[in-house]
Amino acid sequence: MKTVFLSIFLISPLLLTAQTDSRLYDIIDQVSAKRIESDIKTLAGFGTRNTFSDTLSDTRGIGAARRWIKKEFEKTAALCNNCLEVFYQKDLVTTDMGKRVPKDAWVVNVLAIQRGSKYPNRYIIMSGDIDSRASDTMDYTTDAPGANDNASGMAGTLEAARVLSRYTFENSIIYVGLSGEEQGLFGGAGLARYAQKNNWEIIGILNNDMIGNIKGVDGVIDNRSFRIFSEPTDPTDSESKRKKRRFYGGEVDGISRQLARYVHNNVKMYMPEMNPMMIYRLDRFGRGGHHRPFNDLGYAGIRIMEAHENYTQQHQDIRTENGIQYGDVVEHVNFEYAAKLTAVNAINLASLAWAPPVPENVQIGGIVAPAAKFKWTKSTDPAIAGYKIYWRDTTSPTWDHHKFVGNVDQYTLKGIVIDNYFFGIAAVAKNGFESPVVFPSETF
């Protein structure tokens, strides 16, 4: 049953967090498993999408794949009065840049920007990877359909663009296909540098890498669980900030971890049938993904992916050995599951694109006092209804308690021992959407 959104002025602050917005339920319903299936089959049909594969053919190789992706974004743009700005962003990689670079080549990303009406330079990004690989990542001629890794994430990104292009947002959304992931995260690194050079204000990146497999190599079959990987703190933090964490906490409260909590909370509210698993790690053990280059430059970024991987279908030549079928082929992809994880992305993209900027200069005080005190810089944006204080047990992974405190720039939570909890502040817009939580960076 859908809960219709109520104006903030018709409900009390205590009920503020209980409301939902019916548009997010509509977004979930509009995600099409059939369209995702078609896109995955098309991408897998290019034979190989290795970063160094054919760029001239119209039917095989990464060149054909990226041109097709660009055309799909342009088709979506044509249906929304050119609401998407579609273009290539590229960087040259050379053989001296790593052992996985067999020859000099352009790493080409495909971007589609849906410009925000109020904050056009604030971006929430959804990414999928264009490229695929065989057993030997240096082999760019052997078939490597990459149906799940990562045509599934790319197809989800195309589908999210189709659905969300029907709406207008205050912040900008970028849908992007990234290349060069298997050779060293080159596409993500190039786009992160491009964002930094152009002074983009990035809310965060939702990196989707393998969102279509439900049967794990361990035999578990699960079409509801998925993982959210996030780094605990920001690698660009100053030495001073790292030292302060010894006394004030925040070891698991970096901006990427707050983005993960935001996604987790939204899914619990709007898609309660799903089981989001927050994994307290940058990525899978010893492995990497395209959110990492953004983290490296100080941007929030998380990886969203299936909960149960099947390693016989990843980075494998297509073959049968000892009765085991190896290879990342279309038959192994569950399209309904890929649609669910696409919907996870879509509702969070929409929520963040409708949300206000995070509060700035958040400070906390209350040493040896039965109260927790907060200060922050209040926004001048008239669309902001106020601010919400969150807190949790120091061992809890999620923000479990909250209080809406109005449109103020300071507040004292009385009768609470500051030593026993962690705290954060979020901005709340009059439309009901919230920013990610900001962990206090200073004390007073």
Protein backbone atom coordinates (compact mmCIF):
# COMPACT_ATOMS: atom_id res chain seq x y z
CA MET A 1 0.00 0.00 0.00
CA LYS A 2 1.39 3.40 -0.96
CA THR A 3 1.56 6.18 1.61
CA VAL A 4 0.80 9.57 0.11
CA PHE A 5 3.21 12.36 1.03
CA LEU A 6 1.84 15.01 3.36
CA SER A 7 3.05 18.58 3.48
CA ILE A 8 5.49 19.31 6.25
CA PHE A 9 3.24 22.08 7.48
CA LEU A 10 0.37 19.68 8.10
CA ILE A 11 2.23 17.32 10.39
CA SER A 12 4.12 17.71 13.61
CA PRO A 13 7.91 17.53 13.69
CA LEU A 14 7.71 14.25 15.59
CA LEU A 15 5.98 12.63 12.60
CA LEU A 16 8.38 14.11 10.09
CA THR A 17 10.42 10.96 9.58
CA ALA A 18 7.41 8.64 9.21
CA GLN A 19 6.24 10.12 5.93
CA THR A 20 6.99 8.69 2.52
CA ASP A 21 6.73 10.14 -0.96
CA SER A 22 4.51 8.24 -3.41
CA ARG A 23 6.74 9.25 -6.31
CA LEU A 24 9.44 6.87 -5.05
CA TYR A 25 6.98 3.97 -5.14
CA ASP A 26 6.09 4.98 -8.69
CA ILE A 27 9.78 4.99 -9.62
CA ILE A 28 10.15 1.45 -8.28
CA ASP A 29 7.15 0.31 -10.33
CA GLN A 30 8.49 1.90 -13.52
CA VAL A 31 11.79 -0.02 -13.57
CA SER A 32 11.47 -2.67 -16.29
CA ALA A 33 13.17 -6.05 -16.04
CA LYS A 34 12.33 -6.59 -19.72
CA ARG A 35 14.24 -3.50 -20.82
CA ILE A 36 17.17 -4.48 -18.62
CA GLU A 37 17.15 -7.97 -20.12
CA SER A 38 17.20 -6.52 -23.63
CA ASP A 39 20.10 -4.20 -22.79
CA ILE A 40 22.17 -6.95 -21.17
CA LYS A 41 21.69 -9.18 -24.19
CA THR A 42 22.70 -6.35 -26.52
CA LEU A 43 25.85 -5.58 -24.53
CA ALA A 44 26.83 -9.24 -24.25
CA GLY A 45 26.22 -9.54 -27.99
CA PHE A 46 29.20 -7.32 -28.78
CA GLY A 47 31.39 -10.38 -28.17
CA THR A 48 34.02 -8.66 -26.08
CA ARG A 49 34.09 -5.22 -24.53
CA ASN A 50 37.70 -5.40 -23.41
CA THR A 51 39.09 -1.87 -23.11
CA PHE A 52 41.64 -2.64 -25.85
CA SER A 53 39.26 -4.47 -28.19
CA ASP A 54 38.04 -3.30 -31.61
CA THR A 55 36.91 0.33 -31.73
CA LEU A 56 35.96 0.50 -35.44
CA SER A 57 33.46 -2.34 -35.87
CA ASP A 58 29.76 -1.60 -35.48
CA THR A 59 29.03 -5.08 -34.13
CA ARG A 60 31.99 -6.15 -32.00
CA GLY A 61 34.23 -4.60 -29.39
CA ILE A 62 34.17 -1.73 -26.95
CA GLY A 63 33.84 0.91 -29.65
CA ALA A 64 30.53 -0.51 -30.84
CA ALA A 65 29.36 -0.89 -27.22
CA ARG A 66 30.05 2.68 -26.20
CA ARG A 67 28.49 4.09 -29.36
CA TRP A 68 25.36 2.03 -28.67
CA ILE A 69 25.25 3.23 -25.04
CA LYS A 70 25.54 6.84 -26.20
CA LYS A 71 22.68 6.32 -28.66
CA GLU A 72 20.51 4.83 -25.90
CA PHE A 73 21.13 7.85 -23.69
CA GLU A 74 20.29 10.09 -26.66
CA LYS A 75 17.03 8.19 -27.25
CA THR A 76 16.09 8.81 -23.63
CA ALA A 77 17.02 12.48 -24.01
CA ALA A 78 14.80 12.81 -27.07
CA LEU A 79 11.81 11.63 -25.04
CA CYS A 80 12.33 14.23 -22.29
CA ASN A 81 12.86 17.33 -24.43
CA ASN A 82 16.64 16.89 -24.39
CA CYS A 83 16.80 16.79 -20.60
CA LEU A 84 20.04 14.79 -20.79
CA GLU A 85 23.39 16.22 -21.86
CA VAL A 86 25.12 13.24 -23.51
CA PHE A 87 28.83 13.21 -24.29
CA TYR A 88 32.10 11.27 -24.15
CA GLN A 89 34.82 11.94 -21.60
CA LYS A 90 38.15 10.28 -22.32
CA ASP A 91 41.75 9.90 -21.21
CA LEU A 92 44.72 8.27 -22.89
CA VAL A 93 46.32 5.32 -21.12
CA THR A 94 49.77 4.16 -22.11
CA THR A 95 51.82 1.03 -21.56
CA ASP A 96 53.85 2.65 -18.81
CA MET A 97 50.72 3.10 -16.66
CA GLY A 98 50.44 -0.49 -15.46
CA LYS A 99 51.01 -4.13 -16.20
CA ARG A 100 47.45 -4.51 -17.51
CA VAL A 101 47.92 -2.06 -20.38
CA PRO A 102 49.02 -4.03 -23.48
CA LYS A 103 48.96 -1.00 -25.78
CA ASP A 104 48.22 2.72 -25.76
CA ALA A 105 44.50 3.41 -26.01
CA TRP A 106 41.78 5.91 -25.17
CA VAL A 107 39.64 5.03 -22.17
CA VAL A 108 36.26 6.49 -23.07
CA ASN A 109 33.39 7.08 -20.64
CA VAL A 110 29.82 7.85 -21.74
CA LEU A 111 27.99 10.47 -19.63
CA ALA A 112 24.40 11.63 -19.52
CA ILE A 113 23.77 14.60 -17.21
CA GLN A 114 20.26 15.45 -16.05
CA ARG A 115 20.75 19.02 -14.91
CA GLY A 116 19.21 20.11 -11.60
CA SER A 117 16.90 23.12 -11.53
CA LYS A 118 18.31 24.72 -8.37
CA TYR A 119 21.79 23.27 -7.88
CA PRO A 120 23.04 22.39 -11.37
CA ASN A 121 26.63 21.95 -10.16
CA ARG A 122 25.72 19.44 -7.41
CA TYR A 123 25.81 15.87 -8.70
CA ILE A 124 24.70 12.43 -7.58
CA ILE A 125 26.20 9.82 -9.88
CA MET A 126 25.17 6.29 -10.88
CA SER A 127 27.76 4.27 -12.74
CA GLY A 128 28.05 0.96 -14.52
CA ASP A 129 31.12 -0.42 -16.29
CA ILE A 130 31.27 -0.76 -20.07
CA ASP A 131 34.27 -3.06 -20.30
CA SER A 132 34.55 -6.83 -19.87
CA ARG A 133 37.42 -9.32 -19.76
CA ALA A 134 38.35 -12.94 -20.41
CA SER A 135 40.50 -15.10 -18.11
CA ASP A 136 43.55 -13.16 -19.25
CA THR A 137 42.79 -9.46 -18.97
CA MET A 138 45.49 -8.79 -21.59
CA ASP A 139 43.56 -10.89 -24.11
CA TYR A 140 41.38 -8.42 -25.98
CA THR A 141 40.21 -10.69 -28.83
CA THR A 142 38.70 -13.72 -27.06
CA ASP A 143 34.95 -13.62 -26.42
CA ALA A 144 34.16 -12.00 -23.08
CA PRO A 145 30.39 -11.27 -23.03
CA GLY A 146 30.48 -9.91 -19.47
CA ALA A 147 26.74 -10.36 -19.03
CA ASN A 148 26.78 -9.88 -15.28
CA ASP A 149 30.22 -8.25 -14.97
CA ASN A 150 29.22 -5.71 -15.88
CA ALA A 151 26.51 -5.48 -18.50
CA SER A 152 24.07 -5.77 -15.58
CA GLY A 153 25.31 -2.57 -13.94
CA MET A 154 25.45 -0.75 -17.27
CA ALA A 155 21.94 -1.85 -18.18
CA GLY A 156 20.72 -0.72 -14.77
CA THR A 157 22.25 2.69 -15.33
CA LEU A 158 20.54 3.03 -18.73
CA GLU A 159 17.23 2.00 -17.19
CA ALA A 160 17.55 4.41 -14.26
CA ALA A 161 18.07 7.21 -16.78
CA ARG A 162 14.92 6.22 -18.68
CA VAL A 163 12.81 6.23 -15.52
CA LEU A 164 14.20 9.32 -13.77
CA SER A 165 14.29 11.45 -16.92
CA ARG A 166 10.52 11.75 -16.48
CA TYR A 167 11.04 13.84 -13.35
CA THR A 168 12.56 17.21 -12.51
CA PHE A 169 15.11 17.47 -9.72
CA GLU A 170 16.84 20.26 -7.82
CA ASN A 171 20.27 18.60 -7.92
CA SER A 172 21.88 17.12 -11.02
CA ILE A 173 22.07 13.40 -11.73
CA ILE A 174 24.81 11.81 -13.82
CA TYR A 175 24.32 8.41 -15.44
CA VAL A 176 27.65 7.11 -16.67
CA GLY A 177 29.24 4.11 -18.32
CA LEU A 178 32.86 3.84 -17.18
CA SER A 179 35.62 2.08 -19.11
CA GLY A 180 38.97 0.59 -18.14
CA GLU A 181 37.76 -0.88 -14.86
CA GLU A 182 39.43 -4.26 -15.40
CA GLN A 183 42.75 -2.65 -16.37
CA GLY A 184 43.12 -0.45 -13.29
CA LEU A 185 39.98 1.64 -12.61
CA PHE A 186 41.09 4.07 -15.33
CA GLY A 187 37.63 5.30 -16.31
CA GLY A 188 36.61 6.18 -12.77
CA ALA A 189 39.95 7.84 -12.11
CA GLY A 190 39.60 9.93 -15.25
CA LEU A 191 36.07 11.04 -14.42
CA ALA A 192 37.01 11.84 -10.81
CA ARG A 193 39.84 14.06 -12.05
CA TYR A 194 37.47 15.64 -14.58
CA ALA A 195 35.02 16.41 -11.75
CA GLN A 196 37.76 17.93 -9.64
CA LYS A 197 39.08 20.03 -12.54
CA ASN A 198 35.59 21.37 -13.26
CA ASN A 199 34.80 22.05 -9.59
CA TRP A 200 31.85 19.70 -9.45
CA GLU A 201 30.20 19.38 -6.04
CA ILE A 202 29.65 15.66 -5.78
CA ILE A 203 27.03 14.34 -3.38
CA GLY A 204 28.27 10.82 -4.04
CA ILE A 205 28.68 8.05 -6.57
CA LEU A 206 26.67 4.81 -6.56
CA ASN A 207 28.95 2.34 -8.32
CA ASN A 208 27.04 -0.68 -9.65
CA ASP A 209 29.27 -3.63 -10.43
CA MET A 210 27.52 -6.99 -10.85
CA ILE A 211 23.86 -6.67 -9.90
CA GLY A 212 22.40 -9.70 -11.68
CA ASN A 213 23.49 -12.94 -10.00
CA ILE A 214 21.41 -14.64 -7.30
CA LYS A 215 23.12 -18.05 -7.09
CA GLY A 216 26.43 -17.97 -5.26
CA VAL A 217 29.37 -20.29 -5.71
CA ASP A 218 28.55 -21.44 -2.17
CA GLY A 219 25.17 -22.73 -3.38
CA VAL A 220 23.11 -20.00 -1.71
CA ILE A 221 20.25 -18.66 -3.83
CA ASP A 222 19.02 -15.25 -2.71
CA ASN A 223 17.14 -12.69 -4.80
CA ARG A 224 16.60 -10.15 -2.03
CA SER A 225 19.96 -9.48 -0.39
CA PHE A 226 22.59 -7.13 -1.76
CA ARG A 227 25.76 -5.54 -0.46
CA ILE A 228 26.69 -1.91 0.06
CA PHE A 229 30.45 -1.50 0.36
CA SER A 230 31.76 1.72 1.88
CA GLU A 231 35.01 3.07 3.22
CA PRO A 232 34.85 3.97 6.96
CA THR A 233 36.67 7.31 6.82
CA ASP A 234 37.96 9.63 4.13
CA PRO A 235 41.49 8.87 2.87
CA THR A 236 42.05 12.60 2.32
CA ASP A 237 41.47 13.47 5.99
CA SER A 238 44.17 15.62 7.55
CA GLU A 239 46.50 14.29 10.21
CA SER A 240 44.80 16.64 12.68
CA LYS A 241 41.40 15.12 11.96
CA ARG A 242 42.76 11.59 12.31
CA LYS A 243 44.23 12.46 15.71
CA LYS A 244 40.91 13.92 16.90
CA ARG A 245 39.14 10.66 16.14
CA ARG A 246 41.05 9.04 19.00
CA PHE A 247 39.15 11.23 21.44
CA TYR A 248 35.84 12.07 19.73
CA GLY A 249 35.12 9.03 17.55
CA GLY A 250 34.19 8.87 13.89
CA GLU A 251 36.21 5.81 12.89
CA VAL A 252 33.23 4.57 10.86
CA ASP A 253 31.61 7.91 10.06
CA GLY A 254 33.22 9.19 6.88
CA ILE A 255 31.13 10.62 4.05
CA SER A 256 31.05 7.32 2.15
CA ARG A 257 29.77 5.48 5.22
CA GLN A 258 27.05 8.13 5.65
CA LEU A 259 26.06 7.61 2.01
CA ALA A 260 25.83 3.87 2.65
CA ARG A 261 23.61 4.47 5.67
CA TYR A 262 21.41 6.78 3.60
CA VAL A 263 20.87 4.07 0.99
CA HIS A 264 20.29 1.43 3.66
CA ASN A 265 17.66 3.56 5.41
CA ASN A 266 15.85 4.44 2.18
CA VAL A 267 15.65 0.81 1.09
CA LYS A 268 14.30 -0.25 4.48
CA MET A 269 11.59 2.39 4.15
CA TYR A 270 10.55 1.98 0.51
CA MET A 271 11.61 -1.58 -0.36
CA PRO A 272 11.21 -3.54 2.90
CA GLU A 273 11.25 -6.82 1.01
CA MET A 274 14.94 -6.24 0.25
CA ASN A 275 17.84 -7.00 2.57
CA PRO A 276 20.55 -4.33 2.23
CA MET A 277 23.82 -5.51 3.80
CA MET A 278 26.23 -2.76 4.80
CA ILE A 279 29.73 -4.15 4.40
CA TYR A 280 32.31 -2.23 6.43
CA ARG A 281 35.02 -2.42 3.78
CA LEU A 282 36.05 -0.36 0.76
CA ASP A 283 35.38 -3.35 -1.49
CA ARG A 284 35.63 -7.13 -1.57
CA PHE A 285 38.73 -8.56 0.05
CA GLY A 286 41.78 -7.64 -2.01
CA ARG A 287 39.69 -6.35 -4.93
CA GLY A 288 38.55 -2.97 -6.20
CA GLY A 289 35.77 -1.03 -7.91
CA HIS A 290 35.13 2.22 -9.69
CA HIS A 291 34.01 4.12 -6.58
CA ARG A 292 37.55 3.96 -5.22
CA PRO A 293 39.06 6.70 -7.44
CA PHE A 294 36.36 9.06 -6.19
CA ASN A 295 37.14 8.14 -2.58
CA ASP A 296 40.81 8.78 -3.32
CA LEU A 297 39.99 12.41 -4.20
CA GLY A 298 37.77 12.94 -1.16
CA TYR A 299 34.36 12.27 -2.73
CA ALA A 300 31.71 10.01 -1.20
CA GLY A 301 31.33 6.75 -3.07
CA ILE A 302 29.88 3.28 -2.45
CA ARG A 303 29.61 0.00 -4.34
CA ILE A 304 26.21 -1.65 -4.73
CA MET A 305 26.27 -5.28 -5.84
CA GLU A 306 24.82 -8.76 -5.46
CA ALA A 307 25.27 -10.56 -2.15
CA HIS A 308 26.32 -13.95 -3.53
CA GLU A 309 28.93 -14.09 -6.27
CA ASN A 310 29.77 -17.01 -8.50
CA TYR A 311 33.46 -16.92 -9.28
CA THR A 312 33.16 -19.51 -12.07
CA GLN A 313 31.31 -16.86 -14.03
CA GLN A 314 33.71 -13.96 -13.43
CA HIS A 315 36.84 -13.24 -15.48
CA GLN A 316 36.57 -16.62 -17.19
CA ASP A 317 36.91 -17.86 -20.76
CA ILE A 318 33.72 -19.61 -21.87
CA ARG A 319 34.33 -23.35 -21.45
CA THR A 320 33.31 -26.50 -19.58
CA GLU A 321 35.75 -28.21 -17.23
CA ASN A 322 34.98 -31.15 -14.92
CA GLY A 323 31.28 -30.61 -15.53
CA ILE A 324 31.44 -26.93 -14.53
CA GLN A 325 30.33 -24.30 -17.02
CA TYR A 326 32.66 -21.31 -16.90
CA GLY A 327 31.94 -17.91 -18.39
CA ASP A 328 29.93 -14.76 -17.78
CA VAL A 329 27.01 -15.45 -20.12
CA VAL A 330 23.45 -14.14 -20.28
CA GLU A 331 21.92 -17.40 -19.05
CA HIS A 332 23.32 -16.81 -15.57
CA VAL A 333 21.72 -13.36 -15.10
CA ASN A 334 18.50 -12.93 -13.14
CA PHE A 335 16.82 -9.91 -14.77
CA GLU A 336 14.18 -9.41 -12.07
CA TYR A 337 16.91 -9.17 -9.46
CA ALA A 338 18.86 -6.70 -11.61
CA ALA A 339 15.65 -4.64 -11.83
CA LYS A 340 15.32 -4.64 -8.03
CA LEU A 341 18.84 -3.32 -7.57
CA THR A 342 18.24 -0.77 -10.32
CA ALA A 343 15.21 0.41 -8.35
CA VAL A 344 17.39 0.64 -5.23
CA ASN A 345 19.63 3.03 -7.14
CA ALA A 346 16.77 4.96 -8.72
CA ILE A 347 14.97 5.81 -5.47
CA ASN A 348 18.20 6.92 -3.84
CA LEU A 349 19.23 9.00 -6.84
CA ALA A 350 15.83 10.67 -6.73
CA SER A 351 15.89 11.19 -2.96
CA LEU A 352 19.32 12.79 -3.07
CA ALA A 353 18.46 14.85 -6.13
CA TRP A 354 15.40 16.22 -4.28
CA ALA A 355 17.32 16.71 -1.02
CA PRO A 356 18.86 19.93 0.32
CA PRO A 357 22.60 20.47 0.74
CA VAL A 358 24.15 18.97 3.86
CA PRO A 359 24.55 21.26 6.89
CA GLU A 360 27.98 22.88 7.11
CA ASN A 361 30.39 23.50 9.99
CA VAL A 362 28.71 20.95 12.26
CA GLN A 363 30.14 21.13 15.77
CA ILE A 364 29.46 19.21 18.96
CA GLY A 365 29.95 20.04 22.64
CA GLY A 366 28.91 18.77 26.05
CA ILE A 367 31.96 17.44 27.80
CA VAL A 368 31.20 16.38 31.43
CA ALA A 369 27.60 17.55 31.15
CA PRO A 370 24.24 15.70 30.98
CA ALA A 371 23.54 17.10 27.53
CA ALA A 372 24.80 17.07 23.96
CA LYS A 373 25.16 20.47 22.33
CA PHE A 374 25.30 21.20 18.61
CA LYS A 375 26.05 24.13 16.34
CA TRP A 376 26.01 24.38 12.57
CA THR A 377 25.74 26.99 9.82
CA LYS A 378 22.09 27.42 8.91
CA SER A 379 21.32 27.52 5.20
CA THR A 380 19.67 30.52 3.60
CA ASP A 381 17.77 28.25 1.22
CA PRO A 382 14.03 28.97 1.79
CA ALA A 383 13.19 25.39 0.80
CA ILE A 384 14.79 24.02 3.98
CA ALA A 385 12.30 23.22 6.73
CA GLY A 386 14.92 22.63 9.38
CA TYR A 387 17.39 20.16 10.76
CA LYS A 388 17.32 16.74 12.33
CA ILE A 389 19.69 15.42 14.97
CA TYR A 390 20.50 11.73 14.71
CA TRP A 391 22.19 9.56 17.30
CA ARG A 392 23.03 5.92 17.83
CA ASP A 393 24.83 3.59 20.21
CA THR A 394 28.55 3.63 19.49
CA THR A 395 28.35 -0.02 18.39
CA SER A 396 25.29 0.40 16.15
CA PRO A 397 25.77 0.43 12.35
CA THR A 398 22.71 2.62 11.72
CA TRP A 399 21.26 5.91 12.94
CA ASP A 400 18.58 4.60 15.28
CA HIS A 401 17.27 7.75 17.02
CA HIS A 402 16.42 11.20 15.74
CA LYS A 403 14.74 14.46 16.57
CA PHE A 404 13.60 17.22 14.26
CA VAL A 405 14.66 20.49 15.93
CA GLY A 406 13.36 23.11 13.52
CA ASN A 407 15.08 25.72 11.37
CA VAL A 408 17.72 26.70 13.90
CA ASP A 409 21.51 26.81 13.95
CA GLN A 410 22.08 25.26 17.37
CA TYR A 411 20.35 22.88 19.72
CA THR A 412 20.92 21.09 23.02
CA LEU A 413 19.72 17.53 23.62
CA LYS A 414 19.15 17.51 27.35
CA GLY A 415 19.33 14.49 29.61
CA ILE A 416 21.58 12.49 27.30
CA VAL A 417 25.13 11.47 28.09
CA ILE A 418 27.30 12.44 25.14
CA ASP A 419 29.87 9.74 25.93
CA ASN A 420 27.44 6.89 25.19
CA TYR A 421 26.40 7.83 21.64
CA PHE A 422 27.53 9.10 18.27
CA PHE A 423 25.65 12.02 16.71
CA GLY A 424 25.04 13.60 13.34
CA ILE A 425 22.98 16.33 11.70
CA ALA A 426 20.90 16.24 8.50
CA ALA A 427 19.12 19.04 6.66
CA VAL A 428 15.43 18.50 5.92
CA ALA A 429 13.67 20.17 3.00
CA LYS A 430 10.04 21.24 2.99
CA ASN A 431 9.38 18.47 0.47
CA GLY A 432 10.36 15.98 3.19
CA PHE A 433 13.62 14.78 1.68
CA GLU A 434 16.77 14.80 3.76
CA SER A 435 20.44 15.28 3.08
CA PRO A 436 22.93 12.64 4.18
CA VAL A 437 23.91 12.88 7.83
CA VAL A 438 27.00 14.93 8.69
CA PHE A 439 29.19 13.71 11.53
CA PRO A 440 30.52 16.63 13.63
CA SER A 441 34.03 17.58 12.55
CA GLU A 442 34.77 20.08 15.31
CA THR A 443 34.08 20.53 19.03
CA PHE A 444 33.25 23.57 21.10
